[in-house]
PDB file of all heavy atoms in Angstrom:
ATOM      1  N   GLY A   1     -19.589  17.222  -1.779  1.00  0.00           N
ATOM      2  CA  GLY A   1     -18.551  17.428  -0.793  1.00  0.00           C
ATOM      3  C   GLY A   1     -18.071  16.125  -0.194  1.00  0.00           C
ATOM      4  O   GLY A   1     -16.968  16.117   0.375  1.00  0.00           O
ATOM      5  N   TRP A   2     -18.841  15.019  -0.325  1.00  0.00           N
ATOM      6  CA  TRP A   2     -18.389  13.745   0.261  1.00  0.00           C
ATOM      7  C   TRP A   2     -17.566  12.955  -0.728  1.00  0.00           C
ATOM      8  O   TRP A   2     -17.790  12.863  -1.934  1.00  0.00           O
ATOM      9  CB  TRP A   2     -19.599  12.880   0.667  1.00  0.00           C
ATOM     10  CG  TRP A   2     -20.280  13.367   1.912  1.00  0.00           C
ATOM     11  CD1 TRP A   2     -21.393  14.167   1.967  1.00  0.00           C
ATOM     12  CD2 TRP A   2     -19.937  13.069   3.252  1.00  0.00           C
ATOM     13  NE1 TRP A   2     -21.722  14.405   3.278  1.00  0.00           N
ATOM     14  CE2 TRP A   2     -20.835  13.744   4.067  1.00  0.00           C
ATOM     15  CE3 TRP A   2     -18.917  12.337   3.856  1.00  0.00           C
ATOM     16  CZ2 TRP A   2     -20.762  13.656   5.488  1.00  0.00           C
ATOM     17  CZ3 TRP A   2     -18.812  12.208   5.210  1.00  0.00           C
ATOM     18  CH2 TRP A   2     -19.770  12.915   6.042  1.00  0.00           C
ATOM     19  N   SER A   3     -16.527  12.286  -0.220  1.00  0.00           N
ATOM     20  CA  SER A   3     -15.621  11.408  -1.035  1.00  0.00           C
ATOM     21  C   SER A   3     -15.024  10.360  -0.146  1.00  0.00           C
ATOM     22  O   SER A   3     -15.021  10.443   1.059  1.00  0.00           O
ATOM     23  CB  SER A   3     -14.527  12.197  -1.761  1.00  0.00           C
ATOM     24  OG  SER A   3     -13.673  12.805  -0.790  1.00  0.00           O
ATOM     25  N   ALA A   4     -14.480   9.325  -0.809  1.00  0.00           N
ATOM     26  CA  ALA A   4     -13.831   8.243  -0.039  1.00  0.00           C
ATOM     27  C   ALA A   4     -12.653   7.753  -0.877  1.00  0.00           C
ATOM     28  O   ALA A   4     -12.616   7.847  -2.096  1.00  0.00           O
ATOM     29  CB  ALA A   4     -14.776   7.091   0.187  1.00  0.00           C
ATOM     30  N   SER A   5     -11.653   7.145  -0.159  1.00  0.00           N
ATOM     31  CA  SER A   5     -10.513   6.582  -0.855  1.00  0.00           C
ATOM     32  C   SER A   5      -9.960   5.396  -0.039  1.00  0.00           C
ATOM     33  O   SER A   5     -10.228   5.266   1.189  1.00  0.00           O
ATOM     34  CB  SER A   5      -9.372   7.609  -1.025  1.00  0.00           C
ATOM     35  OG  SER A   5      -8.932   8.050   0.234  1.00  0.00           O
ATOM     36  N   ILE A   6      -9.282   4.502  -0.750  1.00  0.00           N
ATOM     37  CA  ILE A   6      -8.671   3.339  -0.111  1.00  0.00           C
ATOM     38  C   ILE A   6      -7.295   3.157  -0.744  1.00  0.00           C
ATOM     39  O   ILE A   6      -7.099   3.295  -1.877  1.00  0.00           O
ATOM     40  CB  ILE A   6      -9.512   2.079  -0.223  1.00  0.00           C
ATOM     41  CG1 ILE A   6      -8.899   0.917   0.513  1.00  0.00           C
ATOM     42  CG2 ILE A   6      -9.760   1.747  -1.710  1.00  0.00           C
ATOM     43  CD1 ILE A   6      -9.737  -0.308   0.570  1.00  0.00           C
ATOM     44  N   ASN A   7      -6.329   2.825   0.147  1.00  0.00           N
ATOM     45  CA  ASN A   7      -4.944   2.501  -0.292  1.00  0.00           C
ATOM     46  C   ASN A   7      -4.428   1.336   0.559  1.00  0.00           C
ATOM     47  O   ASN A   7      -4.127   1.513   1.725  1.00  0.00           O
ATOM     48  CB  ASN A   7      -4.027   3.693  -0.166  1.00  0.00           C
ATOM     49  CG  ASN A   7      -2.607   3.386  -0.608  1.00  0.00           C
ATOM     50  OD1 ASN A   7      -2.330   2.391  -1.259  1.00  0.00           O
ATOM     51  ND2 ASN A   7      -1.664   4.262  -0.190  1.00  0.00           N
ATOM     52  N   ALA A   8      -4.470   0.130  -0.006  1.00  0.00           N
ATOM     53  CA  ALA A   8      -4.139  -1.039   0.786  1.00  0.00           C
ATOM     54  C   ALA A   8      -3.137  -1.878   0.035  1.00  0.00           C
ATOM     55  O   ALA A   8      -3.321  -2.141  -1.163  1.00  0.00           O
ATOM     56  CB  ALA A   8      -5.383  -1.892   0.993  1.00  0.00           C
ATOM     57  N   GLN A   9      -2.018  -2.241   0.721  1.00  0.00           N
ATOM     58  CA  GLN A   9      -0.983  -3.017   0.122  1.00  0.00           C
ATOM     59  C   GLN A   9      -0.550  -4.155   1.070  1.00  0.00           C
ATOM     60  O   GLN A   9      -0.544  -3.962   2.258  1.00  0.00           O
ATOM     61  CB  GLN A   9       0.236  -2.120  -0.162  1.00  0.00           C
ATOM     62  CG  GLN A   9      -0.096  -0.932  -1.081  1.00  0.00           C
ATOM     63  CD  GLN A   9       1.003   0.082  -1.120  1.00  0.00           C
ATOM     64  OE1 GLN A   9       2.106  -0.188  -0.640  1.00  0.00           O
ATOM     65  NE2 GLN A   9       0.730   1.250  -1.662  1.00  0.00           N
ATOM     66  N   LYS A  10      -0.243  -5.311   0.490  1.00  0.00           N
ATOM     67  CA  LYS A  10       0.161  -6.458   1.278  1.00  0.00           C
ATOM     68  C   LYS A  10       1.062  -7.361   0.526  1.00  0.00           C
ATOM     69  O   LYS A  10       0.882  -7.576  -0.687  1.00  0.00           O
ATOM     70  CB  LYS A  10      -1.106  -7.260   1.742  1.00  0.00           C
ATOM     71  CG  LYS A  10      -0.730  -8.483   2.615  1.00  0.00           C
ATOM     72  CD  LYS A  10      -2.037  -9.180   3.108  1.00  0.00           C
ATOM     73  CE  LYS A  10      -1.643 -10.429   3.898  1.00  0.00           C
ATOM     74  NZ  LYS A  10      -0.782 -10.151   4.996  1.00  0.00           N
ATOM     75  N   VAL A  11       2.073  -7.975   1.187  1.00  0.00           N
ATOM     76  CA  VAL A  11       2.913  -8.979   0.596  1.00  0.00           C
ATOM     77  C   VAL A  11       2.890 -10.190   1.520  1.00  0.00           C
ATOM     78  O   VAL A  11       2.501 -10.132   2.702  1.00  0.00           O
ATOM     79  CB  VAL A  11       4.363  -8.493   0.449  1.00  0.00           C
ATOM     80  CG1 VAL A  11       4.453  -7.371  -0.604  1.00  0.00           C
ATOM     81  CG2 VAL A  11       4.968  -8.055   1.804  1.00  0.00           C
ATOM     82  N   SER A  12       3.287 -11.346   0.945  1.00  0.00           N
ATOM     83  CA  SER A  12       3.148 -12.602   1.659  1.00  0.00           C
ATOM     84  C   SER A  12       4.114 -12.742   2.815  1.00  0.00           C
ATOM     85  O   SER A  12       3.839 -13.460   3.789  1.00  0.00           O
ATOM     86  CB  SER A  12       3.341 -13.791   0.708  1.00  0.00           C
ATOM     87  OG  SER A  12       4.631 -13.679   0.066  1.00  0.00           O
ATOM     88  N   ASP A  13       5.295 -12.091   2.756  1.00  0.00           N
ATOM     89  CA  ASP A  13       6.325 -12.309   3.784  1.00  0.00           C
ATOM     90  C   ASP A  13       7.295 -11.116   3.815  1.00  0.00           C
ATOM     91  O   ASP A  13       7.289 -10.284   2.924  1.00  0.00           O
ATOM     92  CB  ASP A  13       7.055 -13.643   3.508  1.00  0.00           C
ATOM     93  CG  ASP A  13       7.654 -13.670   2.116  1.00  0.00           C
ATOM     94  OD1 ASP A  13       8.773 -13.147   1.953  1.00  0.00           O
ATOM     95  OD2 ASP A  13       6.980 -14.140   1.223  1.00  0.00           O
ATOM     96  N   ASP A  14       8.073 -11.106   4.907  1.00  0.00           N
ATOM     97  CA  ASP A  14       9.016 -10.021   5.060  1.00  0.00           C
ATOM     98  C   ASP A  14      10.073  -9.884   3.977  1.00  0.00           C
ATOM     99  O   ASP A  14      10.600  -8.847   3.718  1.00  0.00           O
ATOM    100  CB  ASP A  14       9.718 -10.155   6.442  1.00  0.00           C
ATOM    101  CG  ASP A  14       8.801  -9.932   7.587  1.00  0.00           C
ATOM    102  OD1 ASP A  14       7.748  -9.312   7.400  1.00  0.00           O
ATOM    103  OD2 ASP A  14       9.078 -10.427   8.711  1.00  0.00           O
ATOM    104  N   ASN A  15      10.430 -11.005   3.360  1.00  0.00           N
ATOM    105  CA  ASN A  15      11.525 -11.027   2.382  1.00  0.00           C
ATOM    106  C   ASN A  15      11.053 -10.851   0.929  1.00  0.00           C
ATOM    107  O   ASN A  15      11.885 -11.074  -0.009  1.00  0.00           O
ATOM    108  CB  ASN A  15      12.312 -12.333   2.503  1.00  0.00           C
ATOM    109  CG  ASN A  15      13.005 -12.459   3.870  1.00  0.00           C
ATOM    110  OD1 ASN A  15      13.541 -11.490   4.343  1.00  0.00           O
ATOM    111  ND2 ASN A  15      12.976 -13.634   4.462  1.00  0.00           N
ATOM    112  N   TYR A  16       9.832 -10.543   0.716  1.00  0.00           N
ATOM    113  CA  TYR A  16       9.290 -10.510  -0.662  1.00  0.00           C
ATOM    114  C   TYR A  16      10.124  -9.584  -1.560  1.00  0.00           C
ATOM    115  O   TYR A  16      10.541  -9.966  -2.647  1.00  0.00           O
ATOM    116  CB  TYR A  16       7.794 -10.074  -0.647  1.00  0.00           C
ATOM    117  CG  TYR A  16       7.183 -10.201  -2.022  1.00  0.00           C
ATOM    118  CD1 TYR A  16       6.592 -11.374  -2.420  1.00  0.00           C
ATOM    119  CD2 TYR A  16       7.147  -9.162  -2.923  1.00  0.00           C
ATOM    120  CE1 TYR A  16       6.014 -11.509  -3.671  1.00  0.00           C
ATOM    121  CE2 TYR A  16       6.619  -9.256  -4.129  1.00  0.00           C
ATOM    122  CZ  TYR A  16       6.007 -10.477  -4.496  1.00  0.00           C
ATOM    123  OH  TYR A  16       5.475 -10.613  -5.770  1.00  0.00           O
ATOM    124  N   PHE A  17      10.286  -8.338  -1.150  1.00  0.00           N
ATOM    125  CA  PHE A  17      11.019  -7.380  -1.998  1.00  0.00           C
ATOM    126  C   PHE A  17      12.515  -7.650  -2.131  1.00  0.00           C
ATOM    127  O   PHE A  17      13.115  -7.408  -3.093  1.00  0.00           O
ATOM    128  CB  PHE A  17      10.838  -5.948  -1.517  1.00  0.00           C
ATOM    129  CG  PHE A  17       9.388  -5.433  -1.618  1.00  0.00           C
ATOM    130  CD1 PHE A  17       8.718  -5.060  -0.467  1.00  0.00           C
ATOM    131  CD2 PHE A  17       8.783  -5.380  -2.861  1.00  0.00           C
ATOM    132  CE1 PHE A  17       7.405  -4.668  -0.597  1.00  0.00           C
ATOM    133  CE2 PHE A  17       7.486  -4.915  -2.958  1.00  0.00           C
ATOM    134  CZ  PHE A  17       6.772  -4.547  -1.835  1.00  0.00           C
ATOM    135  N   ARG A  18      13.092  -8.297  -1.062  1.00  0.00           N
ATOM    136  CA  ARG A  18      14.502  -8.676  -1.142  1.00  0.00           C
ATOM    137  C   ARG A  18      14.739  -9.829  -2.077  1.00  0.00           C
ATOM    138  O   ARG A  18      15.794  -9.914  -2.724  1.00  0.00           O
ATOM    139  CB  ARG A  18      15.019  -8.938   0.280  1.00  0.00           C
ATOM    140  CG  ARG A  18      15.218  -7.716   1.108  1.00  0.00           C
ATOM    141  CD  ARG A  18      15.820  -8.074   2.447  1.00  0.00           C
ATOM    142  NE  ARG A  18      14.884  -8.752   3.355  1.00  0.00           N
ATOM    143  CZ  ARG A  18      14.060  -8.135   4.138  1.00  0.00           C
ATOM    144  NH1 ARG A  18      13.983  -6.797   4.137  1.00  0.00           N
ATOM    145  NH2 ARG A  18      13.210  -8.794   4.895  1.00  0.00           N
ATOM    146  N   ASP A  19      13.755 -10.770  -2.132  1.00  0.00           N
ATOM    147  CA  ASP A  19      13.965 -11.986  -2.948  1.00  0.00           C
ATOM    148  C   ASP A  19      13.525 -11.781  -4.377  1.00  0.00           C
ATOM    149  O   ASP A  19      14.100 -12.369  -5.305  1.00  0.00           O
ATOM    150  CB  ASP A  19      13.164 -13.163  -2.342  1.00  0.00           C
ATOM    151  CG  ASP A  19      13.732 -13.618  -1.063  1.00  0.00           C
ATOM    152  OD1 ASP A  19      14.887 -13.239  -0.748  1.00  0.00           O
ATOM    153  OD2 ASP A  19      13.078 -14.321  -0.308  1.00  0.00           O
ATOM    154  N   LEU A  20      12.479 -10.990  -4.556  1.00  0.00           N
ATOM    155  CA  LEU A  20      11.828 -10.866  -5.916  1.00  0.00           C
ATOM    156  C   LEU A  20      11.935  -9.482  -6.350  1.00  0.00           C
ATOM    157  O   LEU A  20      11.289  -8.566  -5.765  1.00  0.00           O
ATOM    158  CB  LEU A  20      10.380 -11.364  -5.849  1.00  0.00           C
ATOM    159  CG  LEU A  20      10.195 -12.778  -5.345  1.00  0.00           C
ATOM    160  CD1 LEU A  20       8.721 -13.079  -5.161  1.00  0.00           C
ATOM    161  CD2 LEU A  20      10.804 -13.794  -6.294  1.00  0.00           C
ATOM    162  N   SER A  21      12.637  -9.184  -7.432  1.00  0.00           N
ATOM    163  CA  SER A  21      12.657  -7.824  -8.012  1.00  0.00           C
ATOM    164  C   SER A  21      11.245  -7.542  -8.566  1.00  0.00           C
ATOM    165  O   SER A  21      10.642  -8.386  -9.297  1.00  0.00           O
ATOM    166  CB  SER A  21      13.686  -7.708  -9.133  1.00  0.00           C
ATOM    167  OG  SER A  21      13.409  -8.695 -10.117  1.00  0.00           O
ATOM    168  N   THR A  22      10.669  -6.459  -8.189  1.00  0.00           N
ATOM    169  CA  THR A  22       9.290  -6.161  -8.544  1.00  0.00           C
ATOM    170  C   THR A  22       9.203  -4.879  -9.380  1.00  0.00           C
ATOM    171  O   THR A  22      10.005  -3.961  -9.160  1.00  0.00           O
ATOM    172  CB  THR A  22       8.362  -6.059  -7.300  1.00  0.00           C
ATOM    173  OG1 THR A  22       7.061  -5.702  -7.702  1.00  0.00           O
ATOM    174  CG2 THR A  22       8.864  -4.995  -6.346  1.00  0.00           C
ATOM    175  N   ARG A  23       8.238  -4.814 -10.292  1.00  0.00           N
ATOM    176  CA  ARG A  23       8.065  -3.606 -11.071  1.00  0.00           C
ATOM    177  C   ARG A  23       7.193  -2.604 -10.325  1.00  0.00           C
ATOM    178  O   ARG A  23       7.039  -1.463 -10.738  1.00  0.00           O
ATOM    179  CB  ARG A  23       7.391  -3.933 -12.408  1.00  0.00           C
ATOM    180  CG  ARG A  23       6.108  -4.612 -12.196  1.00  0.00           C
ATOM    181  CD  ARG A  23       5.499  -5.152 -13.526  1.00  0.00           C
ATOM    182  NE  ARG A  23       4.298  -5.919 -13.238  1.00  0.00           N
ATOM    183  CZ  ARG A  23       3.147  -5.405 -12.915  1.00  0.00           C
ATOM    184  NH1 ARG A  23       3.006  -4.136 -12.788  1.00  0.00           N
ATOM    185  NH2 ARG A  23       2.140  -6.205 -12.673  1.00  0.00           N
ATOM    186  N   ILE A  24       6.595  -2.990  -9.192  1.00  0.00           N
ATOM    187  CA  ILE A  24       5.734  -2.074  -8.449  1.00  0.00           C
ATOM    188  C   ILE A  24       6.567  -1.345  -7.427  1.00  0.00           C
ATOM    189  O   ILE A  24       6.636  -1.648  -6.284  1.00  0.00           O
ATOM    190  CB  ILE A  24       4.569  -2.860  -7.756  1.00  0.00           C
ATOM    191  CG1 ILE A  24       3.841  -3.731  -8.780  1.00  0.00           C
ATOM    192  CG2 ILE A  24       3.521  -1.880  -7.160  1.00  0.00           C
ATOM    193  CD1 ILE A  24       2.734  -4.573  -8.236  1.00  0.00           C
ATOM    194  N   ALA A  25       7.292  -0.319  -7.926  1.00  0.00           N
ATOM    195  CA  ALA A  25       8.342   0.309  -7.062  1.00  0.00           C
ATOM    196  C   ALA A  25       7.708   1.005  -5.879  1.00  0.00           C
ATOM    197  O   ALA A  25       8.400   1.059  -4.819  1.00  0.00           O
ATOM    198  CB  ALA A  25       9.126   1.245  -7.962  1.00  0.00           C
ATOM    199  N   ASN A  26       6.541   1.569  -5.977  1.00  0.00           N
ATOM    200  CA  ASN A  26       6.002   2.366  -4.899  1.00  0.00           C
ATOM    201  C   ASN A  26       5.572   1.517  -3.703  1.00  0.00           C
ATOM    202  O   ASN A  26       5.193   2.032  -2.685  1.00  0.00           O
ATOM    203  CB  ASN A  26       4.814   3.218  -5.380  1.00  0.00           C
ATOM    204  CG  ASN A  26       3.685   2.428  -5.941  1.00  0.00           C
ATOM    205  OD1 ASN A  26       3.772   1.153  -6.044  1.00  0.00           O
ATOM    206  ND2 ASN A  26       2.590   3.049  -6.199  1.00  0.00           N
ATOM    207  N   THR A  27       5.635   0.185  -3.801  1.00  0.00           N
ATOM    208  CA  THR A  27       5.320  -0.657  -2.661  1.00  0.00           C
ATOM    209  C   THR A  27       6.569  -1.170  -2.033  1.00  0.00           C
ATOM    210  O   THR A  27       6.521  -1.912  -1.026  1.00  0.00           O
ATOM    211  CB  THR A  27       4.393  -1.826  -3.054  1.00  0.00           C
ATOM    212  OG1 THR A  27       5.118  -2.602  -4.036  1.00  0.00           O
ATOM    213  CG2 THR A  27       3.093  -1.350  -3.595  1.00  0.00           C
ATOM    214  N   ALA A  28       7.734  -0.878  -2.630  1.00  0.00           N
ATOM    215  CA  ALA A  28       9.007  -1.361  -2.073  1.00  0.00           C
ATOM    216  C   ALA A  28       9.440  -0.489  -0.883  1.00  0.00           C
ATOM    217  O   ALA A  28      10.325   0.339  -1.006  1.00  0.00           O
ATOM    218  CB  ALA A  28      10.085  -1.373  -3.162  1.00  0.00           C
ATOM    219  N   GLN A  29       8.842  -0.719   0.289  1.00  0.00           N
ATOM    220  CA  GLN A  29       9.095   0.061   1.444  1.00  0.00           C
ATOM    221  C   GLN A  29       8.953  -0.835   2.680  1.00  0.00           C
ATOM    222  O   GLN A  29       8.439  -1.921   2.597  1.00  0.00           O
ATOM    223  CB  GLN A  29       8.207   1.256   1.483  1.00  0.00           C
ATOM    224  CG  GLN A  29       6.718   0.875   1.249  1.00  0.00           C
ATOM    225  CD  GLN A  29       5.834   2.113   1.071  1.00  0.00           C
ATOM    226  OE1 GLN A  29       6.091   3.171   1.606  1.00  0.00           O
ATOM    227  NE2 GLN A  29       4.834   1.947   0.240  1.00  0.00           N
ATOM    228  N   THR A  30       9.382  -0.326   3.804  1.00  0.00           N
ATOM    229  CA  THR A  30       9.298  -1.135   5.048  1.00  0.00           C
ATOM    230  C   THR A  30       7.914  -1.202   5.580  1.00  0.00           C
ATOM    231  O   THR A  30       7.506  -2.282   6.024  1.00  0.00           O
ATOM    232  CB  THR A  30      10.228  -0.500   6.086  1.00  0.00           C
ATOM    233  OG1 THR A  30      11.576  -0.430   5.591  1.00  0.00           O
ATOM    234  CG2 THR A  30      10.191  -1.331   7.344  1.00  0.00           C
ATOM    235  N   ASN A  31       7.157  -0.109   5.550  1.00  0.00           N
ATOM    236  CA  ASN A  31       5.799  -0.113   6.051  1.00  0.00           C
ATOM    237  C   ASN A  31       4.785   0.015   4.900  1.00  0.00           C
ATOM    238  O   ASN A  31       4.774   1.029   4.198  1.00  0.00           O
ATOM    239  CB  ASN A  31       5.616   1.085   7.015  1.00  0.00           C
ATOM    240  CG  ASN A  31       6.492   0.916   8.249  1.00  0.00           C
ATOM    241  OD1 ASN A  31       6.326  -0.091   9.001  1.00  0.00           O
ATOM    242  ND2 ASN A  31       7.361   1.873   8.502  1.00  0.00           N
ATOM    243  N   LEU A  32       3.977  -0.971   4.707  1.00  0.00           N
ATOM    244  CA  LEU A  32       2.956  -1.012   3.649  1.00  0.00           C
ATOM    245  C   LEU A  32       1.666  -0.569   4.255  1.00  0.00           C
ATOM    246  O   LEU A  32       1.132  -1.170   5.195  1.00  0.00           O
ATOM    247  CB  LEU A  32       2.835  -2.391   3.017  1.00  0.00           C
ATOM    248  CG  LEU A  32       4.088  -3.061   2.519  1.00  0.00           C
ATOM    249  CD1 LEU A  32       3.785  -4.399   1.895  1.00  0.00           C
ATOM    250  CD2 LEU A  32       4.860  -2.114   1.550  1.00  0.00           C
ATOM    251  N   PRO A  33       1.056   0.528   3.735  1.00  0.00           N
ATOM    252  CA  PRO A  33      -0.159   1.084   4.379  1.00  0.00           C
ATOM    253  C   PRO A  33      -1.436   0.300   4.046  1.00  0.00           C
ATOM    254  O   PRO A  33      -1.538  -0.397   2.936  1.00  0.00           O
ATOM    255  CB  PRO A  33      -0.240   2.507   3.747  1.00  0.00           C
ATOM    256  CG  PRO A  33       0.405   2.332   2.433  1.00  0.00           C
ATOM    257  CD  PRO A  33       1.482   1.334   2.594  1.00  0.00           C
ATOM    258  N   ARG A  34      -2.357   0.373   4.953  1.00  0.00           N
ATOM    259  CA  ARG A  34      -3.705  -0.116   4.691  1.00  0.00           C
ATOM    260  C   ARG A  34      -4.660   0.988   5.228  1.00  0.00           C
ATOM    261  O   ARG A  34      -4.887   1.084   6.455  1.00  0.00           O
ATOM    262  CB  ARG A  34      -3.972  -1.447   5.490  1.00  0.00           C
ATOM    263  CG  ARG A  34      -3.095  -2.549   5.035  1.00  0.00           C
ATOM    264  CD  ARG A  34      -3.202  -3.805   5.894  1.00  0.00           C
ATOM    265  NE  ARG A  34      -2.201  -4.790   5.564  1.00  0.00           N
ATOM    266  CZ  ARG A  34      -2.005  -5.932   6.229  1.00  0.00           C
ATOM    267  NH1 ARG A  34      -2.743  -6.165   7.281  1.00  0.00           N
ATOM    268  NH2 ARG A  34      -1.101  -6.764   5.867  1.00  0.00           N
ATOM    269  N   GLU A  35      -5.090   1.790   4.351  1.00  0.00           N
ATOM    270  CA  GLU A  35      -5.710   3.033   4.705  1.00  0.00           C
ATOM    271  C   GLU A  35      -7.077   3.173   4.026  1.00  0.00           C
ATOM    272  O   GLU A  35      -7.221   2.874   2.869  1.00  0.00           O
ATOM    273  CB  GLU A  35      -4.832   4.274   4.314  1.00  0.00           C
ATOM    274  CG  GLU A  35      -5.415   5.614   4.647  1.00  0.00           C
ATOM    275  CD  GLU A  35      -4.487   6.733   4.192  1.00  0.00           C
ATOM    276  OE1 GLU A  35      -3.798   6.559   3.160  1.00  0.00           O
ATOM    277  OE2 GLU A  35      -4.471   7.813   4.822  1.00  0.00           O
ATOM    278  N   ALA A  36      -8.077   3.670   4.827  1.00  0.00           N
ATOM    279  CA  ALA A  36      -9.393   3.982   4.268  1.00  0.00           C
ATOM    280  C   ALA A  36      -9.764   5.372   4.810  1.00  0.00           C
ATOM    281  O   ALA A  36      -9.587   5.631   6.024  1.00  0.00           O
ATOM    282  CB  ALA A  36     -10.401   2.886   4.674  1.00  0.00           C
ATOM    283  N   VAL A  37     -10.285   6.238   3.907  1.00  0.00           N
ATOM    284  CA  VAL A  37     -10.620   7.617   4.300  1.00  0.00           C
ATOM    285  C   VAL A  37     -12.015   7.966   3.782  1.00  0.00           C
ATOM    286  O   VAL A  37     -12.404   7.671   2.674  1.00  0.00           O
ATOM    287  CB  VAL A  37      -9.550   8.609   3.701  1.00  0.00           C
ATOM    288  CG1 VAL A  37     -10.034  10.052   4.020  1.00  0.00           C
ATOM    289  CG2 VAL A  37      -8.201   8.321   4.198  1.00  0.00           C
ATOM    290  N   LEU A  38     -12.802   8.585   4.647  1.00  0.00           N
ATOM    291  CA  LEU A  38     -14.084   9.156   4.298  1.00  0.00           C
ATOM    292  C   LEU A  38     -14.007  10.656   4.648  1.00  0.00           C
ATOM    293  O   LEU A  38     -13.667  11.004   5.751  1.00  0.00           O
ATOM    294  CB  LEU A  38     -15.240   8.532   5.113  1.00  0.00           C
ATOM    295  CG  LEU A  38     -16.675   9.061   4.826  1.00  0.00           C
ATOM    296  CD1 LEU A  38     -17.043   8.752   3.433  1.00  0.00           C
ATOM    297  CD2 LEU A  38     -17.661   8.468   5.862  1.00  0.00           C
ATOM    298  N   ALA A  39     -14.229  11.499   3.644  1.00  0.00           N
ATOM    299  CA  ALA A  39     -13.971  12.948   3.792  1.00  0.00           C
ATOM    300  C   ALA A  39     -15.173  13.726   3.365  1.00  0.00           C
ATOM    301  O   ALA A  39     -15.971  13.330   2.455  1.00  0.00           O
ATOM    302  CB  ALA A  39     -12.742  13.356   3.037  1.00  0.00           C
ATOM    303  N   TYR A  40     -15.326  14.894   3.995  1.00  0.00           N
ATOM    304  CA  TYR A  40     -16.387  15.826   3.636  1.00  0.00           C
ATOM    305  C   TYR A  40     -15.809  17.252   3.647  1.00  0.00           C
ATOM    306  O   TYR A  40     -15.114  17.702   4.541  1.00  0.00           O
ATOM    307  CB  TYR A  40     -17.529  15.756   4.671  1.00  0.00           C
ATOM    308  CG  TYR A  40     -18.641  16.787   4.401  1.00  0.00           C
ATOM    309  CD1 TYR A  40     -19.496  16.642   3.339  1.00  0.00           C
ATOM    310  CD2 TYR A  40     -18.766  17.907   5.224  1.00  0.00           C
ATOM    311  CE1 TYR A  40     -20.501  17.581   3.082  1.00  0.00           C
ATOM    312  CE2 TYR A  40     -19.774  18.803   5.007  1.00  0.00           C
ATOM    313  CZ  TYR A  40     -20.624  18.675   3.900  1.00  0.00           C
ATOM    314  OH  TYR A  40     -21.616  19.552   3.640  1.00  0.00           O
ATOM    315  N   THR A  41     -16.110  17.942   2.518  1.00  0.00           N
ATOM    316  CA  THR A  41     -15.587  19.298   2.374  1.00  0.00           C
ATOM    317  C   THR A  41     -16.767  20.286   2.206  1.00  0.00           C
ATOM    318  O   THR A  41     -17.663  20.004   1.422  1.00  0.00           O
ATOM    319  CB  THR A  41     -14.686  19.393   1.134  1.00  0.00           C
ATOM    320  OG1 THR A  41     -13.570  18.533   1.287  1.00  0.00           O
ATOM    321  CG2 THR A  41     -14.159  20.825   0.943  1.00  0.00           C
TER     322      THR A  41
END
């Protein structure tokens, strides 16, 4: 029943996506998450 997950994203500066076209489309957003979860079912 126990599981864990992590989803952490970071760029060097505010203009990273505007200056550099990136193939990692799912990180091209205003708010980049840093999330850790511990779950029990």
